[in-house]
Amino acid sequence: MSSNGFLASPLSPAALSPPTTPGSEYKIDASYLSPNVNMASRLEAATKQFGVLLLLSEDFVECLSGPVRERVGGG
């Protein structure tokens, strides 16, 4: 449970940004999250399509160290 008392999915914008009060002078521009949330949603849907527990994007695999990359098949 988050500090504001709400449950948030790990990929939701609420989990990725601090809560704000409506009308607050501090606004959060979440537009930069949209492509990442969209990719996460597509990967989640693809896990069901392929019947696997986890899929990693190419961008994510490129961030892994060499030995870990080889272990996950990203050679």
Protein backbone atom coordinates (compact mmCIF):
# COMPACT_ATOMS: atom_id res chain seq x y z
CA MET A 1 0.00 0.00 0.00
CA SER A 2 1.33 3.43 -0.88
CA SER A 3 1.79 6.27 1.59
CA ASN A 4 -1.49 7.85 0.48
CA GLY A 5 -3.46 4.73 1.45
CA PHE A 6 -4.30 3.59 -2.08
CA LEU A 7 -3.26 0.35 -3.68
CA ALA A 8 -1.47 0.94 -6.96
CA SER A 9 -0.31 -1.49 -9.61
CA PRO A 10 3.47 -1.48 -10.14
CA LEU A 11 3.03 0.06 -13.59
CA SER A 12 0.42 2.69 -12.82
CA PRO A 13 1.31 6.39 -12.97
CA ALA A 14 0.14 6.64 -9.34
CA ALA A 15 2.91 4.26 -8.33
CA LEU A 16 5.53 6.18 -10.32
CA SER A 17 4.83 9.70 -9.13
CA PRO A 18 4.08 11.39 -5.82
CA PRO A 19 0.42 12.14 -5.20
CA THR A 20 -0.81 15.71 -5.63
CA THR A 21 -3.90 17.42 -4.35
CA PRO A 22 -6.34 18.60 -7.01
CA GLY A 23 -5.88 22.32 -7.41
CA SER A 24 -2.35 22.21 -6.04
CA GLU A 25 0.20 24.61 -7.53
CA TYR A 26 2.48 21.59 -8.09
CA LYS A 27 1.44 19.69 -11.19
CA ILE A 28 3.00 16.52 -12.54
CA ASP A 29 3.31 16.18 -16.30
CA ALA A 30 2.84 12.45 -16.76
CA SER A 31 2.94 12.61 -20.57
CA TYR A 32 6.51 11.29 -20.54
CA LEU A 33 5.22 8.11 -18.88
CA SER A 34 2.72 7.28 -21.61
CA PRO A 35 5.08 5.45 -24.01
CA ASN A 36 6.56 3.42 -21.14
CA VAL A 37 3.17 2.51 -19.71
CA ASN A 38 1.99 1.58 -23.20
CA MET A 39 5.01 -0.71 -23.72
CA ALA A 40 4.48 -2.34 -20.32
CA SER A 41 0.84 -2.97 -21.17
CA ARG A 42 1.78 -4.54 -24.52
CA LEU A 43 4.42 -6.76 -22.90
CA GLU A 44 1.92 -7.87 -20.27
CA ALA A 45 -0.62 -8.77 -22.96
CA ALA A 46 2.06 -10.61 -24.95
CA THR A 47 2.92 -12.80 -21.95
CA LYS A 48 -0.62 -14.16 -22.10
CA GLN A 49 -0.46 -14.57 -25.88
CA PHE A 50 2.79 -16.56 -25.68
CA GLY A 51 1.92 -18.35 -22.43
CA VAL A 52 5.01 -17.16 -20.57
CA LEU A 53 5.49 -15.50 -17.20
CA LEU A 54 7.88 -12.77 -18.29
CA LEU A 55 8.94 -10.93 -21.43
CA LEU A 56 11.78 -8.41 -21.56
CA SER A 57 11.98 -5.56 -24.03
CA GLU A 58 15.08 -5.22 -26.18
CA ASP A 59 15.84 -1.88 -24.52
CA PHE A 60 15.75 -3.54 -21.10
CA VAL A 61 17.98 -6.42 -22.19
CA GLU A 62 20.53 -3.93 -23.57
CA CYS A 63 20.84 -2.45 -20.05
CA LEU A 64 21.81 -5.81 -18.53
CA SER A 65 25.40 -6.80 -17.86
CA GLY A 66 27.00 -9.23 -20.33
CA PRO A 67 26.67 -12.39 -18.20
CA VAL A 68 23.06 -11.65 -17.29
CA ARG A 69 22.23 -10.78 -20.91
CA GLU A 70 23.63 -14.14 -22.05
CA ARG A 71 21.64 -15.92 -19.36
CA VAL A 72 18.35 -14.43 -20.56
CA GLY A 73 19.16 -15.18 -24.20
CA GLY A 74 20.02 -11.66 -25.29
CA GLY A 75 23.59 -12.67 -26.24
